[in-house]
N, C-alpha and C. Protein backbone atom coordinates (compact mmCIF):
# COMPACT_ATOMS: atom_id res chain seq x y z
N MET A 1 67.59 43.83 78.48
CA MET A 1 68.92 43.47 78.20
C MET A 1 69.14 41.97 78.15
N SER A 2 70.02 41.33 77.47
CA SER A 2 70.38 40.29 77.51
C SER A 2 71.01 39.59 78.65
N GLU A 3 71.39 38.24 78.97
CA GLU A 3 72.00 37.83 79.94
C GLU A 3 73.65 38.38 80.04
N LEU A 4 74.05 38.38 78.73
CA LEU A 4 75.42 38.47 78.37
C LEU A 4 75.68 40.06 78.52
N GLY A 5 74.76 40.90 78.26
CA GLY A 5 74.55 42.27 78.35
C GLY A 5 74.48 42.60 80.07
N ALA A 6 73.69 42.11 80.59
CA ALA A 6 73.71 42.23 82.10
C ALA A 6 74.88 41.87 82.81
N ARG A 7 75.28 40.84 82.44
CA ARG A 7 77.00 40.33 83.04
C ARG A 7 77.73 41.37 82.68
N ARG A 8 77.86 41.91 81.50
CA ARG A 8 79.09 42.72 81.08
C ARG A 8 78.92 43.78 81.90
N HIS A 9 77.57 44.58 81.88
CA HIS A 9 77.39 45.69 82.51
C HIS A 9 77.79 45.56 83.99
N ARG A 10 77.65 44.57 84.67
CA ARG A 10 77.70 44.14 86.05
C ARG A 10 79.48 44.46 86.02
N ALA A 11 80.06 43.57 85.18
CA ALA A 11 81.53 43.54 85.04
C ALA A 11 82.15 44.93 85.20
N ARG A 12 81.32 45.91 84.01
CA ARG A 12 82.05 47.32 83.79
C ARG A 12 81.86 48.18 85.13
N GLU A 13 80.82 47.99 85.83
CA GLU A 13 80.47 48.71 87.28
C GLU A 13 81.91 48.10 88.04
N ARG A 14 82.29 46.97 87.99
CA ARG A 14 83.19 46.08 88.95
C ARG A 14 84.50 46.75 88.55
N ALA A 15 84.70 46.79 87.28
CA ALA A 15 85.96 47.45 86.81
C ALA A 15 85.94 48.91 87.08
N LEU A 16 85.04 49.69 86.96
CA LEU A 16 85.17 51.24 87.67
C LEU A 16 85.54 51.32 88.96
N GLU A 17 84.75 50.22 89.58
CA GLU A 17 85.13 50.26 91.27
C GLU A 17 86.60 50.19 91.43
N ILE A 18 87.18 49.14 91.07
CA ILE A 18 88.47 48.81 91.17
C ILE A 18 89.65 49.87 90.59
N LEU A 19 89.31 50.62 89.34
CA LEU A 19 89.99 51.52 88.84
C LEU A 19 89.91 52.79 89.74
N TYR A 20 88.58 52.71 90.27
CA TYR A 20 88.50 54.00 91.27
C TYR A 20 89.11 53.83 92.75
N GLU A 21 89.24 52.71 93.17
CA GLU A 21 89.79 52.26 94.37
C GLU A 21 91.41 52.50 94.33
N ALA A 22 91.87 51.97 93.05
CA ALA A 22 93.67 52.06 92.65
C ALA A 22 93.68 53.52 92.53
N ALA A 23 92.85 54.45 91.92
CA ALA A 23 93.14 55.75 91.94
C ALA A 23 93.30 56.35 93.11
N ILE A 24 92.14 56.21 94.16
CA ILE A 24 91.99 56.86 95.17
C ILE A 24 93.03 56.42 96.30
N LYS A 25 93.32 55.45 96.53
CA LYS A 25 94.36 55.00 97.14
C LYS A 25 96.04 54.99 96.72
N GLU A 26 95.96 55.36 95.39
CA GLU A 26 97.05 55.60 94.76
C GLU A 26 98.18 54.36 94.76
N ARG A 27 97.49 53.35 94.83
CA ARG A 27 98.13 51.81 94.46
C ARG A 27 97.89 51.43 92.89
N PRO A 28 99.18 50.60 92.84
CA PRO A 28 99.01 49.53 91.38
C PRO A 28 97.41 48.75 91.45
N LEU A 29 97.21 48.70 90.10
CA LEU A 29 95.98 47.97 89.85
C LEU A 29 95.90 46.38 90.29
N GLU A 30 97.18 46.00 90.16
CA GLU A 30 97.35 44.58 90.33
C GLU A 30 97.51 44.46 91.60
N SER A 31 98.03 45.45 92.47
CA SER A 31 97.98 45.31 94.15
C SER A 31 96.44 45.27 94.47
N VAL A 32 95.83 46.01 93.77
CA VAL A 32 94.06 46.26 94.37
C VAL A 32 93.51 44.99 94.16
N LEU A 33 94.05 44.55 92.77
CA LEU A 33 93.28 43.10 92.19
C LEU A 33 93.40 41.86 93.32
N ALA A 34 95.03 41.75 93.71
CA ALA A 34 95.53 41.01 94.77
C ALA A 34 94.59 40.81 96.02
N ALA A 35 94.51 42.09 96.48
CA ALA A 35 93.71 42.62 97.78
C ALA A 35 92.51 41.94 97.89
N LEU A 36 91.73 41.71 96.77
CA LEU A 36 90.34 41.75 96.59
C LEU A 36 89.85 40.51 97.53
N THR A 37 88.90 40.33 98.33
CA THR A 37 88.65 39.16 98.99
C THR A 37 87.65 38.10 98.02
N VAL A 38 86.83 38.82 97.46
CA VAL A 38 86.19 38.33 96.54
C VAL A 38 86.53 38.62 94.91
N ALA A 39 87.19 37.57 94.04
CA ALA A 39 87.55 38.00 93.07
C ALA A 39 86.70 38.53 91.94
N PRO A 40 87.01 39.36 91.17
CA PRO A 40 85.91 39.90 90.07
C PRO A 40 85.72 38.91 88.99
N ASP A 41 84.83 39.13 88.30
CA ASP A 41 84.44 38.28 86.89
C ASP A 41 85.55 38.56 86.00
N ASP A 42 86.03 37.61 85.22
CA ASP A 42 87.13 37.81 84.58
C ASP A 42 87.12 38.91 83.45
N TYR A 43 85.62 39.14 82.94
CA TYR A 43 85.72 40.07 82.04
C TYR A 43 86.02 41.37 82.66
N ALA A 44 85.56 41.75 84.09
CA ALA A 44 85.90 43.11 84.92
C ALA A 44 87.59 42.97 84.83
N VAL A 45 88.03 41.94 85.19
CA VAL A 45 89.64 41.91 85.31
C VAL A 45 90.25 42.33 83.74
N ALA A 46 89.74 41.79 82.75
CA ALA A 46 90.09 42.14 81.41
C ALA A 46 90.17 43.52 81.12
N LEU A 47 88.83 44.39 81.58
CA LEU A 47 88.42 45.52 81.44
C LEU A 47 89.36 46.49 82.16
N VAL A 48 90.00 46.09 83.34
CA VAL A 48 90.70 46.86 84.06
C VAL A 48 92.11 46.81 83.71
N ARG A 49 92.47 45.60 83.18
CA ARG A 49 93.96 45.37 82.28
C ARG A 49 93.95 46.28 81.29
N ALA A 50 92.94 46.20 80.39
CA ALA A 50 92.77 46.83 79.23
C ALA A 50 93.09 48.33 79.33
N ALA A 51 92.17 48.81 80.49
CA ALA A 51 92.41 50.28 80.89
C ALA A 51 93.78 50.69 81.21
N GLU A 52 94.28 49.76 81.84
CA GLU A 52 95.74 50.16 82.54
C GLU A 52 96.57 49.93 81.16
N ALA A 53 96.52 48.85 80.39
CA ALA A 53 97.56 49.03 79.11
C ALA A 53 97.46 50.09 78.39
N SER A 54 95.86 50.69 78.14
CA SER A 54 96.01 51.65 77.04
C SER A 54 95.85 53.15 77.99
N ARG A 55 96.34 53.06 79.10
CA ARG A 55 96.08 54.37 79.83
C ARG A 55 96.73 55.73 79.44
N GLU A 56 98.18 55.47 78.73
CA GLU A 56 98.68 56.74 78.22
C GLU A 56 98.21 57.14 77.02
N ARG A 57 97.78 56.05 76.06
CA ARG A 57 96.93 56.45 74.79
C ARG A 57 95.86 57.12 75.15
N ALA A 58 95.25 56.35 75.87
CA ALA A 58 93.64 56.99 76.10
C ALA A 58 93.68 58.45 76.91
N ASP A 59 94.55 58.67 77.81
CA ASP A 59 94.73 59.94 78.22
C ASP A 59 95.06 61.19 77.26
N VAL A 60 95.99 60.70 75.99
CA VAL A 60 96.17 61.58 75.28
C VAL A 60 94.99 62.05 74.51
N LEU A 61 94.17 60.94 74.00
CA LEU A 61 92.96 61.37 73.20
C LEU A 61 92.07 61.76 73.83
N ILE A 62 91.87 61.42 75.25
CA ILE A 62 90.90 62.17 75.91
C ILE A 62 90.98 63.79 76.17
N GLU A 63 92.13 63.83 76.59
CA GLU A 63 92.61 65.30 76.65
C GLU A 63 92.61 66.12 75.24
N GLN A 64 92.79 65.66 74.13
CA GLN A 64 92.78 66.19 72.88
C GLN A 64 91.16 66.30 72.46
N ASN A 65 90.17 65.61 73.01
CA ASN A 65 88.86 65.78 72.40
C ASN A 65 88.30 66.37 73.67
N SER A 66 88.72 67.05 74.91
CA SER A 66 87.72 67.20 75.97
C SER A 66 87.69 68.92 75.74
N HIS A 67 88.19 69.68 74.79
CA HIS A 67 88.19 70.77 74.33
C HIS A 67 88.53 71.74 75.66
N ALA A 68 89.68 71.99 75.80
CA ALA A 68 90.47 72.88 76.77
C ALA A 68 90.41 72.36 78.21
N TRP A 69 89.93 71.03 78.38
CA TRP A 69 90.02 70.70 80.04
C TRP A 69 91.09 69.68 80.07
N ALA A 70 91.91 70.33 81.12
CA ALA A 70 93.35 69.53 81.15
C ALA A 70 92.79 68.07 82.15
N LEU A 71 93.23 67.16 81.93
CA LEU A 71 92.78 65.94 82.80
C LEU A 71 92.90 66.00 84.24
N GLU A 72 93.57 66.91 84.61
CA GLU A 72 93.38 67.39 86.33
C GLU A 72 92.04 67.99 86.38
N ARG A 73 91.64 68.63 85.45
CA ARG A 73 90.47 69.30 85.80
C ARG A 73 89.06 68.48 85.56
N LEU A 74 89.19 67.16 85.12
CA LEU A 74 88.06 66.40 84.62
C LEU A 74 87.69 65.38 86.25
N ALA A 75 86.45 65.32 86.34
CA ALA A 75 86.07 64.67 87.36
C ALA A 75 86.53 63.44 87.54
N LEU A 76 87.26 62.83 88.42
CA LEU A 76 88.01 61.28 88.23
C LEU A 76 87.17 60.56 87.80
N ILE A 77 85.73 60.25 88.23
CA ILE A 77 84.87 59.34 87.87
C ILE A 77 84.85 59.15 86.19
N ASP A 78 84.48 60.58 85.91
CA ASP A 78 84.28 60.55 84.25
C ASP A 78 85.65 60.05 83.72
N HIS A 79 87.05 60.43 84.07
CA HIS A 79 88.10 60.35 83.49
C HIS A 79 88.37 58.73 83.57
N LEU A 80 87.94 57.98 84.63
CA LEU A 80 87.92 56.78 84.71
C LEU A 80 87.22 55.90 83.76
N ILE A 81 86.01 56.57 83.65
CA ILE A 81 84.88 55.78 82.85
C ILE A 81 85.65 55.93 81.31
N MET A 82 85.88 57.03 80.93
CA MET A 82 86.23 57.32 79.52
C MET A 82 87.70 56.35 79.26
N ARG A 83 88.46 56.15 80.24
CA ARG A 83 89.72 55.40 80.13
C ARG A 83 89.18 53.89 79.91
N LEU A 84 88.44 53.44 80.84
CA LEU A 84 87.66 52.17 80.82
C LEU A 84 87.11 51.71 79.51
N ALA A 85 86.28 52.69 78.86
CA ALA A 85 85.74 52.76 77.62
C ALA A 85 86.61 52.49 76.48
N LEU A 86 87.37 53.33 76.49
CA LEU A 86 88.54 53.37 75.33
C LEU A 86 89.63 52.09 75.36
N GLY A 87 89.59 51.62 76.88
CA GLY A 87 90.75 50.42 76.88
C GLY A 87 89.51 49.19 76.20
N GLU A 88 88.45 49.07 76.50
CA GLU A 88 87.54 48.16 75.81
C GLU A 88 87.56 48.25 74.70
N TRP A 89 87.41 49.54 73.96
CA TRP A 89 86.95 49.66 72.52
C TRP A 89 88.40 49.29 71.99
N TRP A 90 89.63 49.28 72.44
CA TRP A 90 90.82 49.12 71.74
C TRP A 90 91.27 47.25 72.10
N SER A 91 90.31 46.48 72.40
CA SER A 91 90.57 45.32 73.18
C SER A 91 90.07 44.22 71.80
N ASP A 92 90.67 43.24 71.65
CA ASP A 92 90.45 42.22 70.65
C ASP A 92 88.99 42.02 71.09
N GLY A 93 88.06 41.61 70.18
CA GLY A 93 86.72 40.93 70.17
C GLY A 93 85.96 41.97 71.03
N ALA A 94 86.11 43.16 71.16
CA ALA A 94 85.44 44.45 71.67
C ALA A 94 83.84 44.36 71.18
N PRO A 95 83.05 44.41 71.69
CA PRO A 95 81.55 44.72 71.58
C PRO A 95 81.63 46.01 70.68
N PRO A 96 80.59 46.07 69.54
CA PRO A 96 80.36 47.21 69.02
C PRO A 96 80.51 48.25 69.59
N THR A 97 80.99 49.65 68.80
CA THR A 97 81.02 50.76 69.64
C THR A 97 80.03 51.40 70.31
N ALA A 98 78.78 51.39 69.55
CA ALA A 98 77.57 52.06 70.46
C ALA A 98 77.22 51.45 71.63
N VAL A 99 77.64 50.01 71.63
CA VAL A 99 77.63 49.34 73.15
C VAL A 99 78.32 50.09 74.05
N ILE A 100 79.67 50.27 73.80
CA ILE A 100 80.68 50.81 74.83
C ILE A 100 80.43 52.31 75.04
N LEU A 101 79.96 52.94 73.90
CA LEU A 101 79.67 54.32 74.36
C LEU A 101 78.53 54.44 75.29
N ASP A 102 77.32 53.59 74.81
CA ASP A 102 76.21 53.42 75.69
C ASP A 102 76.37 53.24 77.16
N GLU A 103 77.09 52.31 77.45
CA GLU A 103 77.62 51.66 78.80
C GLU A 103 78.45 52.84 79.66
N ALA A 104 79.38 53.48 78.82
CA ALA A 104 80.14 54.55 79.49
C ALA A 104 78.85 55.60 79.91
N VAL A 105 78.35 56.10 79.01
CA VAL A 105 77.18 56.94 79.28
C VAL A 105 76.21 56.63 80.56
N GLU A 106 75.73 55.64 80.72
CA GLU A 106 75.10 55.01 81.68
C GLU A 106 75.79 54.90 82.85
N LEU A 107 77.06 54.70 82.91
CA LEU A 107 77.98 54.54 84.17
C LEU A 107 78.03 56.13 84.79
N ALA A 108 78.38 56.74 83.62
CA ALA A 108 78.32 58.37 83.99
C ALA A 108 76.93 58.96 84.63
N VAL A 109 76.14 58.59 83.99
CA VAL A 109 74.73 59.11 84.56
C VAL A 109 74.56 58.54 85.82
N THR A 110 75.32 57.21 86.08
CA THR A 110 74.68 56.73 87.63
C THR A 110 75.54 57.08 88.52
N TYR A 111 76.96 57.01 88.26
CA TYR A 111 77.99 57.46 89.26
C TYR A 111 78.72 58.88 89.39
N SER A 112 78.12 59.80 88.27
CA SER A 112 78.83 61.08 88.42
C SER A 112 77.83 62.00 88.45
N THR A 113 78.14 63.21 87.81
CA THR A 113 77.43 64.63 88.11
C THR A 113 76.31 64.56 86.80
N ASP A 114 75.54 65.60 87.10
CA ASP A 114 74.48 65.92 86.34
C ASP A 114 74.51 65.67 84.72
N GLY A 115 75.62 66.36 84.37
CA GLY A 115 76.22 66.80 82.96
C GLY A 115 77.09 65.52 82.94
N SER A 116 77.40 64.92 83.48
CA SER A 116 78.71 63.78 83.11
C SER A 116 78.16 63.06 81.80
N GLY A 117 77.10 62.48 81.83
CA GLY A 117 76.55 61.47 80.80
C GLY A 117 76.77 62.38 79.57
N ALA A 118 76.41 63.33 79.16
CA ALA A 118 76.71 64.40 78.16
C ALA A 118 77.82 64.48 77.63
N PHE A 119 78.74 64.77 78.90
CA PHE A 119 80.28 65.14 78.70
C PHE A 119 80.92 64.01 77.97
N VAL A 120 80.75 62.92 78.91
CA VAL A 120 81.26 61.44 78.44
C VAL A 120 80.76 60.94 77.26
N ASN A 121 79.64 61.39 76.89
CA ASN A 121 79.39 60.92 75.33
C ASN A 121 80.13 61.80 74.31
N GLY A 122 80.12 63.06 74.65
CA GLY A 122 80.42 63.92 73.46
C GLY A 122 82.15 63.68 73.45
N VAL A 123 82.81 63.38 74.56
CA VAL A 123 84.27 63.38 74.43
C VAL A 123 84.52 61.95 73.77
N LEU A 124 83.97 60.97 74.21
CA LEU A 124 83.97 59.58 73.60
C LEU A 124 83.86 59.72 72.16
N ALA A 125 82.43 59.98 71.69
CA ALA A 125 82.30 60.14 70.57
C ALA A 125 83.33 60.70 69.57
N ALA A 126 84.06 61.74 70.00
CA ALA A 126 85.21 62.62 69.31
C ALA A 126 86.37 61.64 69.22
N CYS A 127 86.59 60.71 70.27
CA CYS A 127 87.56 59.87 70.54
C CYS A 127 87.38 59.11 69.41
N VAL A 128 86.51 58.40 69.25
CA VAL A 128 86.17 57.02 68.36
C VAL A 128 86.22 57.49 66.91
N ALA A 129 85.67 58.68 66.90
CA ALA A 129 85.36 59.27 65.38
C ALA A 129 86.53 58.96 64.50
N GLY A 130 87.58 58.82 65.00
CA GLY A 130 88.95 58.61 63.98
C GLY A 130 89.08 57.20 63.72
N GLY A 131 88.23 56.50 64.48
CA GLY A 131 88.73 55.10 64.17
C GLY A 131 89.72 54.55 65.06
N ARG A 132 89.79 53.14 65.29
CA ARG A 132 90.84 52.38 66.10
C ARG A 132 92.19 52.66 65.76
């Protein structure tokens, strides 16, 4: 992995941590960001804000493509990973779609259940199939 790829991977992990903290504590993302003692990387902040800005759009697309799984039934971490990936995908200057999907699958394999990588991959592949 290139140095840029490694930095962005760490930024995605940090963004996921921030999204998870906000969800678990039921606090606004900006409040969570402001309370951090160590400021996250600029790319992590951009990812968090992109995920939040596209939250409703992403949730509709995720629910449409999760084949009869209501959002409330999804594992929280899987849901956040997909929201994060779609927010990045819709961002200006986004990396290639394959990179975003691969990173999302890697996050799911690392931080979620045994079947989460395949589930996240399938749902996100269906979400991006129609284009931006």
